[in-house]
Structure formats: structure tokens, C-alpha cells
Amino acid sequence: MTTTPALAPAARRGLFTANPDDRLRPGTPDRPWELWLTSPDTLLEMPDLATALMAAAEHNAAAADLEDGSPLQPVTHALVLHHGYAWRREGAARSGAGIAVPSLCWTAKCSICGDVVEDEFIPHHDAPEAAADDAVGSREWDELPDSRLVCERTDDAHDAARAQARTEDAPERDENQLTFL
């Protein structure tokens, strides 16, 4: 009969415990700053805290981007170590740091092809009317009478939508109106 060792939750493994006797030390005591890559179990010496934090952020972002949800993919994290112990900030973070306030923002989308207004970045606006005004005013998009937006592309579908809007927008012919030649 085989037994499986008792697995402890991550919070209780001892990386961030306050009691020094219970702390796990995965790094080298002589090195002031290291980066521990957990999945390959690799230690990288870092020159200072700022470099270690930036390297950890870059590695963790790349690892999250490569995550495909497969149970066979190893979970990898980068942790900053100070004299072998997992580093954590002393004291509280500055007020307001790390607090995200969700907000709804709008961007213009072409009703024909689905493209969004985009240059170097995708502009976000507080209201759908502001997004439409930006697309029409500064991007040369067309706004149809039914409030749909059409981008600047010139193909059959876009041209047909613009032509239909012009005929719908034109005034009806009045029988009493004189035609000037």
C-alpha cells in the first residue's frame, strides 16, 4: 500500500510566515537578492531589489500568458528572495495602491466589419455618444441615420451601407415642387 504525503495549502508552506523558525528558506543565505523560479527550481542572482521585482513581474506575466489550462503543464512562479527567504514588503502599502475601481468604458465599432477605432491604442470613452463622436469627428467614419457606425473602408458592403443611408436621408420628392434645369 502506498501513502500520499499530506499536502499543505500554499499559505501554510512557510514562505511568508512571521515566525522565523517556521519559515521555508529556498534560497542561498549569502546572496542578498535572488529570483526563485519555482517550476524549474532555479535560483537567479539579482543585483538589487528593484531588478528582482521587475524580473519577477516579467516572468510571472510571461508564465500567465503561456498558461494553457493543461493539467500537465507545470505551474511556475517567480518569487523574490532576500537572503534565501521569500521577500515581502514591510508595513502597509501606500493608501489607494492596488485598488482598482471598475468602470464601464466605450469604444466605436464598425457595424459592417466589426473593426474598432484603433491607432496606437484603442480609445475608451465614458459614453457611447462620445465614442461615436470621436469616430465620426476625428477618424472620418460615417454615422448612419439609425446611429450605426461605418468605418472608412471602401468595399461593396461598406459602400452599400453608405448609399442606403444617403437615400434614406434624402428628402422625399414633393409633387408641387418645381424642378430647375
N, C-alpha and C. Protein backbone atom coordinates (compact mmCIF):
# COMPACT_ATOMS: atom_id res chain seq x y z
N MET A 1 0.85 -1.18 0.00
CA MET A 1 0.00 0.00 0.00
C MET A 1 0.89 1.24 0.00
N THR A 2 0.57 2.19 -0.88
CA THR A 2 1.34 3.43 -0.93
C THR A 2 0.55 4.53 -0.24
N THR A 3 1.26 5.40 0.37
CA THR A 3 0.61 6.53 1.02
C THR A 3 1.07 7.81 0.35
N THR A 4 0.17 8.73 0.28
CA THR A 4 0.48 10.05 -0.29
C THR A 4 0.80 10.99 0.86
N PRO A 5 1.91 11.71 0.76
CA PRO A 5 2.22 12.65 1.85
C PRO A 5 1.14 13.72 1.95
N ALA A 6 0.92 14.17 3.15
CA ALA A 6 -0.08 15.22 3.37
C ALA A 6 0.40 16.50 2.70
N LEU A 7 -0.42 17.02 1.82
CA LEU A 7 -0.08 18.26 1.14
C LEU A 7 -0.62 19.42 1.95
N ALA A 8 0.21 20.42 2.16
CA ALA A 8 -0.22 21.60 2.90
C ALA A 8 -0.63 22.68 1.91
N PRO A 9 -1.66 23.45 2.23
CA PRO A 9 -2.03 24.57 1.35
C PRO A 9 -0.86 25.54 1.23
N ALA A 10 -0.84 26.30 0.13
CA ALA A 10 0.27 27.20 -0.17
C ALA A 10 0.51 28.21 0.96
N ALA A 11 -0.55 28.69 1.59
CA ALA A 11 -0.38 29.70 2.63
C ALA A 11 0.32 29.13 3.87
N ARG A 12 0.35 27.81 3.99
CA ARG A 12 0.93 27.20 5.19
C ARG A 12 2.25 26.52 4.93
N ARG A 13 2.81 26.73 3.78
CA ARG A 13 4.08 26.09 3.47
C ARG A 13 5.25 26.78 4.13
N GLY A 14 5.02 27.94 4.67
CA GLY A 14 6.08 28.61 5.40
C GLY A 14 6.85 29.65 4.64
N LEU A 15 6.43 30.01 3.45
CA LEU A 15 7.16 31.04 2.70
C LEU A 15 7.01 32.41 3.34
N PHE A 16 5.84 32.72 3.86
CA PHE A 16 5.59 34.06 4.37
C PHE A 16 5.19 34.07 5.84
N THR A 17 5.50 33.05 6.58
CA THR A 17 5.13 33.04 7.99
C THR A 17 5.95 34.06 8.77
N ALA A 18 5.36 34.58 9.82
CA ALA A 18 6.03 35.61 10.62
C ALA A 18 7.10 35.00 11.53
N ASN A 19 6.90 33.78 11.98
CA ASN A 19 7.84 33.14 12.89
C ASN A 19 9.07 32.67 12.10
N PRO A 20 10.27 33.20 12.41
CA PRO A 20 11.47 32.83 11.65
C PRO A 20 11.81 31.34 11.74
N ASP A 21 11.43 30.69 12.81
CA ASP A 21 11.74 29.26 12.94
C ASP A 21 10.91 28.40 12.01
N ASP A 22 9.75 28.90 11.57
CA ASP A 22 8.86 28.14 10.70
C ASP A 22 9.01 28.49 9.22
N ARG A 23 9.85 29.47 8.91
CA ARG A 23 9.95 29.94 7.53
C ARG A 23 10.76 29.00 6.67
N LEU A 24 10.28 28.79 5.46
CA LEU A 24 10.97 27.99 4.47
C LEU A 24 12.04 28.87 3.81
N ARG A 25 13.24 28.33 3.63
CA ARG A 25 14.33 29.09 3.02
C ARG A 25 14.78 28.37 1.75
N PRO A 26 14.14 28.70 0.60
CA PRO A 26 14.50 28.01 -0.64
C PRO A 26 15.78 28.56 -1.29
N GLY A 27 16.25 29.72 -0.83
CA GLY A 27 17.39 30.35 -1.48
C GLY A 27 18.69 30.22 -0.73
N THR A 28 19.66 31.00 -1.17
CA THR A 28 21.00 30.99 -0.62
C THR A 28 21.14 32.09 0.43
N PRO A 29 21.56 31.76 1.66
CA PRO A 29 21.66 32.77 2.71
C PRO A 29 22.67 33.88 2.41
N ASP A 30 23.74 33.57 1.65
CA ASP A 30 24.80 34.57 1.39
C ASP A 30 24.38 35.61 0.36
N ARG A 31 23.41 35.32 -0.46
CA ARG A 31 23.02 36.24 -1.54
C ARG A 31 21.90 37.16 -1.04
N PRO A 32 22.12 38.47 -1.15
CA PRO A 32 21.08 39.39 -0.68
C PRO A 32 19.80 39.28 -1.49
N TRP A 33 19.89 39.19 -2.82
CA TRP A 33 18.69 39.15 -3.67
C TRP A 33 18.81 38.04 -4.70
N GLU A 34 17.75 37.24 -4.78
CA GLU A 34 17.68 36.18 -5.77
C GLU A 34 16.27 36.12 -6.33
N LEU A 35 16.17 35.50 -7.49
CA LEU A 35 14.87 35.21 -8.07
C LEU A 35 14.74 33.69 -8.12
N TRP A 36 13.68 33.18 -7.51
CA TRP A 36 13.45 31.74 -7.47
C TRP A 36 12.37 31.41 -8.47
N LEU A 37 12.71 30.66 -9.51
CA LEU A 37 11.75 30.16 -10.48
C LEU A 37 11.31 28.79 -9.98
N THR A 38 10.07 28.70 -9.55
CA THR A 38 9.62 27.53 -8.80
C THR A 38 9.56 26.25 -9.62
N SER A 39 9.07 26.31 -10.86
CA SER A 39 8.89 25.08 -11.61
C SER A 39 10.20 24.43 -12.00
N PRO A 40 11.15 25.16 -12.57
CA PRO A 40 12.43 24.50 -12.82
C PRO A 40 13.32 24.47 -11.58
N ASP A 41 12.84 25.05 -10.47
CA ASP A 41 13.60 25.14 -9.22
C ASP A 41 14.99 25.72 -9.47
N THR A 42 14.96 26.92 -10.04
CA THR A 42 16.19 27.61 -10.40
C THR A 42 16.32 28.89 -9.61
N LEU A 43 17.53 29.20 -9.15
CA LEU A 43 17.82 30.44 -8.44
C LEU A 43 18.67 31.33 -9.33
N LEU A 44 18.24 32.56 -9.52
CA LEU A 44 18.99 33.54 -10.31
C LEU A 44 19.41 34.68 -9.40
N GLU A 45 20.69 34.96 -9.35
CA GLU A 45 21.18 36.06 -8.51
C GLU A 45 20.77 37.39 -9.12
N MET A 46 20.31 38.31 -8.29
CA MET A 46 19.87 39.63 -8.73
C MET A 46 20.72 40.68 -8.05
N PRO A 47 21.02 41.80 -8.73
CA PRO A 47 21.87 42.83 -8.13
C PRO A 47 21.19 43.65 -7.04
N ASP A 48 19.85 43.83 -7.15
CA ASP A 48 19.15 44.64 -6.15
C ASP A 48 17.66 44.29 -6.15
N LEU A 49 16.93 44.87 -5.21
CA LEU A 49 15.51 44.59 -5.08
C LEU A 49 14.72 45.03 -6.30
N ALA A 50 14.99 46.21 -6.82
CA ALA A 50 14.23 46.73 -7.96
C ALA A 50 14.36 45.81 -9.18
N THR A 51 15.57 45.37 -9.46
CA THR A 51 15.79 44.46 -10.59
C THR A 51 15.08 43.14 -10.36
N ALA A 52 15.13 42.63 -9.14
CA ALA A 52 14.47 41.37 -8.82
C ALA A 52 12.96 41.49 -8.98
N LEU A 53 12.38 42.60 -8.53
CA LEU A 53 10.93 42.80 -8.66
C LEU A 53 10.52 42.90 -10.12
N MET A 54 11.30 43.63 -10.92
CA MET A 54 10.97 43.76 -12.35
C MET A 54 11.10 42.41 -13.05
N ALA A 55 12.14 41.67 -12.75
CA ALA A 55 12.33 40.35 -13.38
C ALA A 55 11.21 39.39 -12.98
N ALA A 56 10.80 39.43 -11.70
CA ALA A 56 9.71 38.57 -11.24
C ALA A 56 8.41 38.93 -11.95
N ALA A 57 8.13 40.22 -12.09
CA ALA A 57 6.91 40.66 -12.76
C ALA A 57 6.91 40.21 -14.22
N GLU A 58 8.03 40.37 -14.91
CA GLU A 58 8.12 39.96 -16.31
C GLU A 58 7.93 38.45 -16.44
N HIS A 59 8.60 37.69 -15.57
CA HIS A 59 8.48 36.23 -15.65
C HIS A 59 7.05 35.78 -15.35
N ASN A 60 6.44 36.33 -14.31
CA ASN A 60 5.08 35.92 -13.96
C ASN A 60 4.08 36.30 -15.04
N ALA A 61 4.27 37.45 -15.69
CA ALA A 61 3.38 37.84 -16.79
C ALA A 61 3.55 36.89 -17.98
N ALA A 62 4.79 36.54 -18.30
CA ALA A 62 5.02 35.61 -19.41
C ALA A 62 4.46 34.23 -19.08
N ALA A 63 4.62 33.78 -17.84
CA ALA A 63 4.09 32.48 -17.44
C ALA A 63 2.56 32.46 -17.51
N ALA A 64 1.93 33.56 -17.12
CA ALA A 64 0.46 33.64 -17.19
C ALA A 64 0.00 33.64 -18.64
N ASP A 65 0.76 34.28 -19.52
CA ASP A 65 0.40 34.32 -20.94
C ASP A 65 0.54 32.95 -21.59
N LEU A 66 1.50 32.16 -21.14
CA LEU A 66 1.72 30.83 -21.71
C LEU A 66 0.81 29.76 -21.11
N GLU A 67 0.12 30.08 -20.04
CA GLU A 67 -0.77 29.12 -19.37
C GLU A 67 -1.88 28.71 -20.33
N ASP A 68 -1.97 27.40 -20.59
CA ASP A 68 -3.00 26.90 -21.50
C ASP A 68 -4.07 26.08 -20.80
N GLY A 69 -3.99 25.98 -19.49
CA GLY A 69 -5.00 25.26 -18.72
C GLY A 69 -4.78 23.76 -18.65
N SER A 70 -3.72 23.28 -19.24
CA SER A 70 -3.45 21.85 -19.23
C SER A 70 -3.01 21.40 -17.84
N PRO A 71 -3.55 20.28 -17.35
CA PRO A 71 -3.11 19.79 -16.04
C PRO A 71 -1.68 19.25 -16.08
N LEU A 72 -1.14 19.03 -17.26
CA LEU A 72 0.23 18.51 -17.39
C LEU A 72 1.27 19.63 -17.43
N GLN A 73 0.82 20.86 -17.59
CA GLN A 73 1.76 21.98 -17.64
C GLN A 73 2.20 22.32 -16.22
N PRO A 74 3.50 22.42 -16.00
CA PRO A 74 3.95 22.76 -14.64
C PRO A 74 3.58 24.20 -14.28
N VAL A 75 3.21 24.38 -13.05
CA VAL A 75 2.91 25.72 -12.56
C VAL A 75 4.23 26.36 -12.17
N THR A 76 4.49 27.51 -12.72
CA THR A 76 5.76 28.17 -12.41
C THR A 76 5.49 29.59 -11.93
N HIS A 77 6.22 29.99 -10.94
CA HIS A 77 6.12 31.35 -10.41
C HIS A 77 7.54 31.85 -10.18
N ALA A 78 7.68 33.16 -10.16
CA ALA A 78 8.95 33.77 -9.81
C ALA A 78 8.75 34.50 -8.49
N LEU A 79 9.56 34.16 -7.50
CA LEU A 79 9.50 34.80 -6.19
C LEU A 79 10.82 35.49 -5.91
N VAL A 80 10.73 36.68 -5.35
CA VAL A 80 11.92 37.41 -4.96
C VAL A 80 12.35 36.91 -3.58
N LEU A 81 13.63 36.56 -3.47
CA LEU A 81 14.18 36.07 -2.21
C LEU A 81 15.18 37.07 -1.65
N HIS A 82 15.14 37.26 -0.35
CA HIS A 82 16.09 38.12 0.36
C HIS A 82 16.83 37.26 1.36
N HIS A 83 18.12 37.05 1.11
CA HIS A 83 18.95 36.15 1.92
C HIS A 83 18.30 34.78 2.05
N GLY A 84 17.71 34.32 0.95
CA GLY A 84 17.15 32.98 0.89
C GLY A 84 15.69 32.87 1.25
N TYR A 85 15.14 33.87 1.93
CA TYR A 85 13.74 33.84 2.33
C TYR A 85 12.88 34.61 1.33
N ALA A 86 11.60 34.20 1.21
CA ALA A 86 10.66 34.92 0.35
C ALA A 86 10.52 36.35 0.87
N TRP A 87 10.72 37.32 -0.02
CA TRP A 87 10.66 38.74 0.37
C TRP A 87 9.22 39.20 0.40
N ARG A 88 8.92 40.00 1.38
CA ARG A 88 7.63 40.68 1.43
C ARG A 88 7.85 42.09 1.95
N ARG A 89 7.01 42.97 1.49
CA ARG A 89 7.12 44.37 1.88
C ARG A 89 6.82 44.51 3.36
N GLU A 90 7.62 45.28 4.02
CA GLU A 90 7.37 45.56 5.43
C GLU A 90 6.38 46.71 5.52
N GLY A 91 5.40 46.58 6.36
CA GLY A 91 4.42 47.65 6.55
C GLY A 91 3.33 47.58 5.50
N ALA A 92 2.40 48.48 5.61
CA ALA A 92 1.26 48.52 4.70
C ALA A 92 1.62 49.23 3.41
N ALA A 93 0.93 48.89 2.36
CA ALA A 93 1.12 49.59 1.09
C ALA A 93 0.56 51.00 1.22
N ARG A 94 1.02 51.89 0.36
CA ARG A 94 0.53 53.27 0.42
C ARG A 94 -0.97 53.28 0.17
N SER A 95 -1.64 54.26 0.70
CA SER A 95 -3.11 54.30 0.59
C SER A 95 -3.52 54.41 -0.87
N GLY A 96 -4.51 53.61 -1.23
CA GLY A 96 -5.02 53.61 -2.59
C GLY A 96 -4.24 52.74 -3.55
N ALA A 97 -3.10 52.20 -3.14
CA ALA A 97 -2.30 51.38 -4.05
C ALA A 97 -2.97 50.03 -4.26
N GLY A 98 -3.01 49.61 -5.47
CA GLY A 98 -3.54 48.31 -5.79
C GLY A 98 -5.05 48.20 -5.72
N ILE A 99 -5.74 49.31 -5.59
CA ILE A 99 -7.19 49.26 -5.54
C ILE A 99 -7.72 49.67 -6.91
N ALA A 100 -8.32 48.73 -7.58
CA ALA A 100 -8.88 49.01 -8.90
C ALA A 100 -10.37 49.29 -8.76
N VAL A 101 -10.79 50.35 -9.39
CA VAL A 101 -12.20 50.70 -9.39
C VAL A 101 -12.75 50.37 -10.76
N PRO A 102 -13.66 49.40 -10.84
CA PRO A 102 -14.18 49.04 -12.16
C PRO A 102 -15.01 50.17 -12.74
N SER A 103 -14.87 50.37 -14.03
CA SER A 103 -15.67 51.37 -14.70
C SER A 103 -16.01 50.87 -16.09
N LEU A 104 -17.12 51.30 -16.61
CA LEU A 104 -17.56 50.91 -17.93
C LEU A 104 -17.05 51.94 -18.92
N CYS A 105 -16.40 51.47 -19.98
CA CYS A 105 -15.94 52.41 -20.99
C CYS A 105 -16.38 51.92 -22.36
N TRP A 106 -16.43 52.83 -23.31
CA TRP A 106 -16.98 52.57 -24.62
C TRP A 106 -15.95 52.87 -25.69
N THR A 107 -16.01 52.11 -26.77
CA THR A 107 -15.20 52.40 -27.94
C THR A 107 -16.06 52.14 -29.18
N ALA A 108 -15.74 52.80 -30.29
CA ALA A 108 -16.55 52.68 -31.50
C ALA A 108 -16.22 51.40 -32.25
N LYS A 109 -17.25 50.79 -32.83
CA LYS A 109 -17.11 49.55 -33.60
C LYS A 109 -17.91 49.69 -34.88
N CYS A 110 -17.31 49.31 -36.00
CA CYS A 110 -17.99 49.38 -37.29
C CYS A 110 -19.11 48.34 -37.33
N SER A 111 -20.29 48.76 -37.76
CA SER A 111 -21.44 47.86 -37.79
C SER A 111 -21.38 46.90 -38.98
N ILE A 112 -20.47 47.14 -39.92
CA ILE A 112 -20.37 46.27 -41.09
C ILE A 112 -19.30 45.19 -40.87
N CYS A 113 -18.08 45.59 -40.55
CA CYS A 113 -16.98 44.61 -40.45
C CYS A 113 -16.58 44.29 -39.01
N GLY A 114 -17.02 45.10 -38.04
CA GLY A 114 -16.68 44.83 -36.65
C GLY A 114 -15.36 45.41 -36.19
N ASP A 115 -14.64 46.12 -37.06
CA ASP A 115 -13.38 46.75 -36.65
C ASP A 115 -13.67 47.82 -35.60
N VAL A 116 -12.69 48.04 -34.73
CA VAL A 116 -12.80 49.10 -33.73
C VAL A 116 -11.85 50.23 -34.09
N VAL A 117 -12.14 51.41 -33.57
CA VAL A 117 -11.27 52.55 -33.78
C VAL A 117 -9.94 52.23 -33.12
N GLU A 118 -8.87 52.36 -33.89
CA GLU A 118 -7.58 51.96 -33.34
C GLU A 118 -6.46 52.70 -34.07
N ASP A 119 -5.58 53.31 -33.32
CA ASP A 119 -4.35 53.89 -33.86
C ASP A 119 -3.22 53.21 -33.10
N GLU A 120 -2.57 53.95 -32.20
CA GLU A 120 -1.56 53.36 -31.33
C GLU A 120 -2.23 52.63 -30.17
N PHE A 121 -3.44 53.02 -29.85
CA PHE A 121 -4.19 52.41 -28.77
C PHE A 121 -5.67 52.47 -29.12
N ILE A 122 -6.48 51.73 -28.39
CA ILE A 122 -7.92 51.76 -28.60
C ILE A 122 -8.49 52.80 -27.63
N PRO A 123 -9.10 53.88 -28.15
CA PRO A 123 -9.63 54.89 -27.25
C PRO A 123 -10.88 54.38 -26.52
N HIS A 124 -10.98 54.75 -25.26
CA HIS A 124 -12.13 54.39 -24.43
C HIS A 124 -12.80 55.67 -23.96
N HIS A 125 -14.12 55.69 -24.02
CA HIS A 125 -14.89 56.88 -23.68
C HIS A 125 -15.90 56.56 -22.59
N ASP A 126 -16.37 57.61 -21.92
CA ASP A 126 -17.32 57.44 -20.82
C ASP A 126 -18.74 57.13 -21.29
N ALA A 127 -19.06 57.44 -22.54
CA ALA A 127 -20.42 57.24 -23.04
C ALA A 127 -20.35 56.78 -24.50
N PRO A 128 -21.35 56.04 -24.96
CA PRO A 128 -21.35 55.60 -26.35
C PRO A 128 -21.40 56.76 -27.34
N GLU A 129 -22.07 57.85 -26.95
CA GLU A 129 -22.14 59.02 -27.83
C GLU A 129 -20.76 59.64 -28.03
N ALA A 130 -19.96 59.66 -26.98
CA ALA A 130 -18.60 60.21 -27.08
C ALA A 130 -17.74 59.33 -27.99
N ALA A 131 -17.90 58.02 -27.91
CA ALA A 131 -17.15 57.12 -28.78
C ALA A 131 -17.55 57.34 -30.24
N ALA A 132 -18.84 57.49 -30.50
CA ALA A 132 -19.32 57.73 -31.86
C ALA A 132 -18.83 59.08 -32.37
N ASP A 133 -18.89 60.11 -31.53
CA ASP A 133 -18.40 61.44 -31.94
C ASP A 133 -16.92 61.41 -32.29
N ASP A 134 -16.13 60.66 -31.52
CA ASP A 134 -14.69 60.54 -31.80
C ASP A 134 -14.47 59.84 -33.14
N ALA A 135 -15.21 58.77 -33.39
CA ALA A 135 -15.05 58.02 -34.64
C ALA A 135 -15.44 58.86 -35.85
N VAL A 136 -16.54 59.60 -35.74
CA VAL A 136 -17.02 60.40 -36.86
C VAL A 136 -16.17 61.66 -37.02
N GLY A 137 -15.85 62.32 -35.90
CA GLY A 137 -15.14 63.59 -35.98
C GLY A 137 -13.68 63.49 -36.31
N SER A 138 -12.96 62.56 -35.70
CA SER A 138 -11.51 62.54 -35.91
C SER A 138 -11.03 61.35 -36.72
N ARG A 139 -11.86 60.38 -37.01
CA ARG A 139 -11.44 59.19 -37.74
C ARG A 139 -12.09 59.06 -39.11
N GLU A 140 -12.97 60.01 -39.46
CA GLU A 140 -13.65 60.03 -40.75
C GLU A 140 -14.56 58.82 -40.97
N TRP A 141 -15.16 58.32 -39.91
CA TRP A 141 -16.17 57.28 -40.03
C TRP A 141 -17.49 57.96 -40.35
N ASP A 142 -18.45 57.19 -40.83
CA ASP A 142 -19.78 57.71 -41.12
C ASP A 142 -20.76 57.19 -40.08
N GLU A 143 -21.69 58.07 -39.69
CA GLU A 143 -22.76 57.64 -38.80
C GLU A 143 -24.04 57.61 -39.62
N LEU A 144 -24.67 56.45 -39.67
CA LEU A 144 -25.89 56.28 -40.44
C LEU A 144 -27.07 56.87 -39.66
N PRO A 145 -28.18 57.15 -40.33
CA PRO A 145 -29.34 57.74 -39.64
C PRO A 145 -29.85 56.90 -38.47
N ASP A 146 -29.65 55.57 -38.53
CA ASP A 146 -30.10 54.72 -37.42
C ASP A 146 -29.03 54.58 -36.34
N SER A 147 -28.02 55.47 -36.33
CA SER A 147 -26.94 55.55 -35.34
C SER A 147 -25.88 54.47 -35.49
N ARG A 148 -25.94 53.66 -36.54
CA ARG A 148 -24.87 52.69 -36.76
C ARG A 148 -23.65 53.41 -37.31
N LEU A 149 -22.46 52.89 -37.00
CA LEU A 149 -21.22 53.48 -37.47
C LEU A 149 -20.63 52.63 -38.58
N VAL A 150 -20.04 53.29 -39.58
CA VAL A 150 -19.39 52.60 -40.69
C VAL A 150 -17.98 53.17 -40.81
N CYS A 151 -16.99 52.28 -40.78
CA CYS A 151 -15.59 52.73 -40.85
C CYS A 151 -15.24 53.22 -42.26
N GLU A 152 -14.00 53.66 -42.43
CA GLU A 152 -13.58 54.30 -43.67
C GLU A 152 -13.28 53.32 -44.80
N ARG A 153 -13.44 52.02 -44.59
CA ARG A 153 -13.17 51.04 -45.65
C ARG A 153 -14.06 51.31 -46.87
N THR A 154 -13.51 50.99 -48.04
CA THR A 154 -14.29 51.16 -49.27
C THR A 154 -14.38 49.81 -49.98
N ASP A 155 -15.35 49.03 -49.60
CA ASP A 155 -15.67 47.79 -50.29
C ASP A 155 -17.17 47.77 -50.53
N ASP A 156 -17.67 46.73 -51.14
CA ASP A 156 -19.09 46.69 -51.53
C ASP A 156 -20.03 46.83 -50.34
N ALA A 157 -19.75 46.13 -49.26
CA ALA A 157 -20.65 46.16 -48.09
C ALA A 157 -20.67 47.55 -47.45
N HIS A 158 -19.51 48.16 -47.29
CA HIS A 158 -19.45 49.49 -46.67
C HIS A 158 -20.09 50.54 -47.58
N ASP A 159 -19.78 50.46 -48.90
CA ASP A 159 -20.35 51.43 -49.83
C ASP A 159 -21.86 51.30 -49.92
N ALA A 160 -22.37 50.06 -49.87
CA ALA A 160 -23.82 49.85 -49.92
C ALA A 160 -24.50 50.45 -48.68
N ALA A 161 -23.89 50.30 -47.52
CA ALA A 161 -24.47 50.88 -46.30
C ALA A 161 -24.50 52.40 -46.38
N ARG A 162 -23.42 53.00 -46.91
CA ARG A 162 -23.39 54.45 -47.06
C ARG A 162 -24.44 54.92 -48.08
N ALA A 163 -24.57 54.19 -49.19
CA ALA A 163 -25.53 54.57 -50.23
C ALA A 163 -26.96 54.46 -49.71
N GLN A 164 -27.25 53.41 -48.96
CA GLN A 164 -28.58 53.24 -48.40
C GLN A 164 -28.88 54.37 -47.41
N ALA A 165 -27.90 54.77 -46.65
CA ALA A 165 -28.10 55.87 -45.71
C ALA A 165 -28.38 57.16 -46.44
N ARG A 166 -27.71 57.40 -47.59
CA ARG A 166 -27.95 58.63 -48.34
C ARG A 166 -29.36 58.66 -48.93
N THR A 167 -29.85 57.53 -49.41
CA THR A 167 -31.20 57.51 -49.98
C THR A 167 -32.24 57.63 -48.88
N GLU A 168 -31.99 57.06 -47.71
CA GLU A 168 -32.93 57.19 -46.60
C GLU A 168 -32.93 58.60 -46.04
N ASP A 169 -31.78 59.27 -46.14
CA ASP A 169 -31.62 60.60 -45.58
C ASP A 169 -32.13 61.69 -46.53
N ALA A 170 -32.26 61.37 -47.81
CA ALA A 170 -32.69 62.37 -48.79
C ALA A 170 -34.16 62.71 -48.57
N PRO A 171 -34.53 63.97 -48.79
CA PRO A 171 -35.94 64.35 -48.61
C PRO A 171 -36.80 63.72 -49.71
N GLU A 172 -38.05 63.42 -49.36
CA GLU A 172 -38.96 62.83 -50.34
C GLU A 172 -39.33 63.89 -51.37
N ARG A 173 -39.58 63.45 -52.59
CA ARG A 173 -39.92 64.38 -53.66
C ARG A 173 -41.36 64.86 -53.45
N ASP A 174 -41.52 66.17 -53.56
CA ASP A 174 -42.84 66.79 -53.41
C ASP A 174 -43.39 67.04 -54.81
N GLU A 175 -44.63 66.64 -55.07
CA GLU A 175 -45.26 66.78 -56.37
C GLU A 175 -45.43 68.26 -56.76
N ASN A 176 -45.54 69.12 -55.77
CA ASN A 176 -45.75 70.55 -56.04
C ASN A 176 -44.43 71.29 -56.24
N GLN A 177 -43.32 70.58 -56.11
CA GLN A 177 -42.03 71.22 -56.21
C GLN A 177 -41.63 71.34 -57.68
N LEU A 178 -41.11 72.51 -58.06
CA LEU A 178 -40.65 72.72 -59.42
C LEU A 178 -39.22 72.25 -59.58
N THR A 179 -38.93 71.67 -60.69
CA THR A 179 -37.58 71.22 -60.98
C THR A 179 -36.88 72.28 -61.80
N PHE A 180 -35.75 72.73 -61.36
CA PHE A 180 -34.97 73.72 -62.10
C PHE A 180 -33.92 73.02 -62.94
N LEU A 181 -33.81 73.44 -64.16
CA LEU A 181 -32.79 72.88 -65.04
C LEU A 181 -31.62 73.78 -65.15
